Amino acid sequence: MADSPKRARARKPAESSVLSPPLSPAEHLAALQVREAGKTIMYQVDAWGHVETRFVRPQNVASWLAKGFVVR
């Protein structure tokens, strides 16, 4: 297969943590809470009992209700 018609793919470089330093679990939780502040928590349970959770902006609640989600 040395003369394969397909071109070899170049490997993507591994993501480095240069952009942001690693966070401790407490810092990560605090960052999540800041990002989700002011949003509405909505749920949908499928036929297998799996719960899907979405953090929705207030202006989008009506469209998520139409998709079958329930407000917490």
C-alpha atoms as a PDB file:
ATOM      1  CA  MET A   1       0.000   0.000   0.000  1.00  0.00           C
ATOM      2  CA  ALA A   2       2.933   2.339  -0.420  1.00  0.00           C
ATOM      3  CA  ASP A   3       1.393   3.721  -3.599  1.00  0.00           C
ATOM      4  CA  SER A   4      -2.030   4.458  -2.122  1.00  0.00           C
ATOM      5  CA  PRO A   5      -4.013   7.129  -3.979  1.00  0.00           C
ATOM      6  CA  LYS A   6      -4.926   8.783  -0.679  1.00  0.00           C
ATOM      7  CA  ARG A   7      -2.721  11.499   0.700  1.00  0.00           C
ATOM      8  CA  ALA A   8      -1.261  11.090   4.168  1.00  0.00           C
ATOM      9  CA  ARG A   9      -2.888  13.306   6.755  1.00  0.00           C
ATOM     10  CA  ALA A  10      -0.789  15.651   8.800  1.00  0.00           C
ATOM     11  CA  ARG A  11      -1.277  15.113  12.509  1.00  0.00           C
ATOM     12  CA  LYS A  12      -2.855  17.919  14.483  1.00  0.00           C
ATOM     13  CA  PRO A  13      -0.622  19.334  17.199  1.00  0.00           C
ATOM     14  CA  ALA A  14      -1.648  18.469  20.727  1.00  0.00           C
ATOM     15  CA  GLU A  15      -3.457  21.247  22.548  1.00  0.00           C
ATOM     16  CA  SER A  16      -1.212  22.922  25.013  1.00  0.00           C
ATOM     17  CA  SER A  17      -2.293  24.462  28.264  1.00  0.00           C
ATOM     18  CA  VAL A  18      -0.356  27.633  27.449  1.00  0.00           C
ATOM     19  CA  LEU A  19      -3.589  29.537  26.814  1.00  0.00           C
ATOM     20  CA  SER A  20      -5.080  28.886  30.233  1.00  0.00           C
ATOM     21  CA  PRO A  21      -3.498  27.392  33.307  1.00  0.00           C
ATOM     22  CA  PRO A  22      -5.116  24.259  34.761  1.00  0.00           C
ATOM     23  CA  LEU A  23      -7.866  25.041  37.259  1.00  0.00           C
ATOM     24  CA  SER A  24      -8.417  23.420  40.615  1.00  0.00           C
ATOM     25  CA  PRO A  25     -11.801  21.719  41.067  1.00  0.00           C
ATOM     26  CA  ALA A  26     -13.021  24.630  43.199  1.00  0.00           C
ATOM     27  CA  GLU A  27     -11.946  27.190  40.588  1.00  0.00           C
ATOM     28  CA  HIS A  28     -13.592  25.154  37.830  1.00  0.00           C
ATOM     29  CA  LEU A  29     -16.875  25.008  39.774  1.00  0.00           C
ATOM     30  CA  ALA A  30     -16.761  28.748  40.403  1.00  0.00           C
ATOM     31  CA  ALA A  31     -16.163  29.405  36.686  1.00  0.00           C
ATOM     32  CA  LEU A  32     -19.156  27.203  35.766  1.00  0.00           C
ATOM     33  CA  GLN A  33     -21.395  29.024  38.229  1.00  0.00           C
ATOM     34  CA  VAL A  34     -20.386  32.410  36.821  1.00  0.00           C
ATOM     35  CA  ARG A  35     -21.059  31.220  33.265  1.00  0.00           C
ATOM     36  CA  GLU A  36     -24.495  29.811  34.169  1.00  0.00           C
ATOM     37  CA  ALA A  37     -25.618  32.776  36.296  1.00  0.00           C
ATOM     38  CA  GLY A  38     -28.873  34.283  35.098  1.00  0.00           C
ATOM     39  CA  LYS A  39     -29.822  31.307  32.952  1.00  0.00           C
ATOM     40  CA  THR A  40     -32.863  29.052  33.328  1.00  0.00           C
ATOM     41  CA  ILE A  41     -32.238  25.372  34.015  1.00  0.00           C
ATOM     42  CA  MET A  42     -34.380  23.137  31.813  1.00  0.00           C
ATOM     43  CA  TYR A  43     -34.750  19.359  31.749  1.00  0.00           C
ATOM     44  CA  GLN A  44     -35.985  16.714  29.362  1.00  0.00           C
ATOM     45  CA  VAL A  45     -36.324  13.019  30.220  1.00  0.00           C
ATOM     46  CA  ASP A  46     -36.190  10.581  27.310  1.00  0.00           C
ATOM     47  CA  ALA A  47     -37.867   7.172  27.003  1.00  0.00           C
ATOM     48  CA  TRP A  48     -34.903   5.447  28.707  1.00  0.00           C
ATOM     49  CA  GLY A  49     -34.975   7.724  31.718  1.00  0.00           C
ATOM     50  CA  HIS A  50     -31.923   9.761  30.744  1.00  0.00           C
ATOM     51  CA  VAL A  51     -32.122  13.369  31.856  1.00  0.00           C
ATOM     52  CA  GLU A  52     -30.822  16.068  29.526  1.00  0.00           C
ATOM     53  CA  THR A  53     -30.040  19.377  31.217  1.00  0.00           C
ATOM     54  CA  ARG A  54     -29.728  22.709  29.449  1.00  0.00           C
ATOM     55  CA  PHE A  55     -28.851  26.142  30.791  1.00  0.00           C
ATOM     56  CA  VAL A  56     -30.974  28.457  28.655  1.00  0.00           C
ATOM     57  CA  ARG A  57     -30.952  32.227  28.274  1.00  0.00           C
ATOM     58  CA  PRO A  58     -34.253  33.844  29.307  1.00  0.00           C
ATOM     59  CA  GLN A  59     -35.119  34.914  25.752  1.00  0.00           C
ATOM     60  CA  ASN A  60     -34.835  31.303  24.522  1.00  0.00           C
ATOM     61  CA  VAL A  61     -37.031  29.596  27.145  1.00  0.00           C
ATOM     62  CA  ALA A  62     -40.129  29.535  24.931  1.00  0.00           C
ATOM     63  CA  SER A  63     -38.336  27.741  22.096  1.00  0.00           C
ATOM     64  CA  TRP A  64     -36.940  25.119  24.508  1.00  0.00           C
ATOM     65  CA  LEU A  65     -40.420  24.610  25.986  1.00  0.00           C
ATOM     66  CA  ALA A  66     -41.646  23.926  22.443  1.00  0.00           C
ATOM     67  CA  LYS A  67     -38.945  21.243  22.129  1.00  0.00           C
ATOM     68  CA  GLY A  68     -40.386  19.414  25.141  1.00  0.00           C
ATOM     69  CA  PHE A  69     -38.104  20.686  27.893  1.00  0.00           C
ATOM     70  CA  VAL A  70     -39.425  21.515  31.352  1.00  0.00           C
ATOM     71  CA  VAL A  71     -38.330  24.458  33.496  1.00  0.00           C
ATOM     72  CA  ARG A  72     -36.783  23.539  36.833  1.00  0.00           C
END
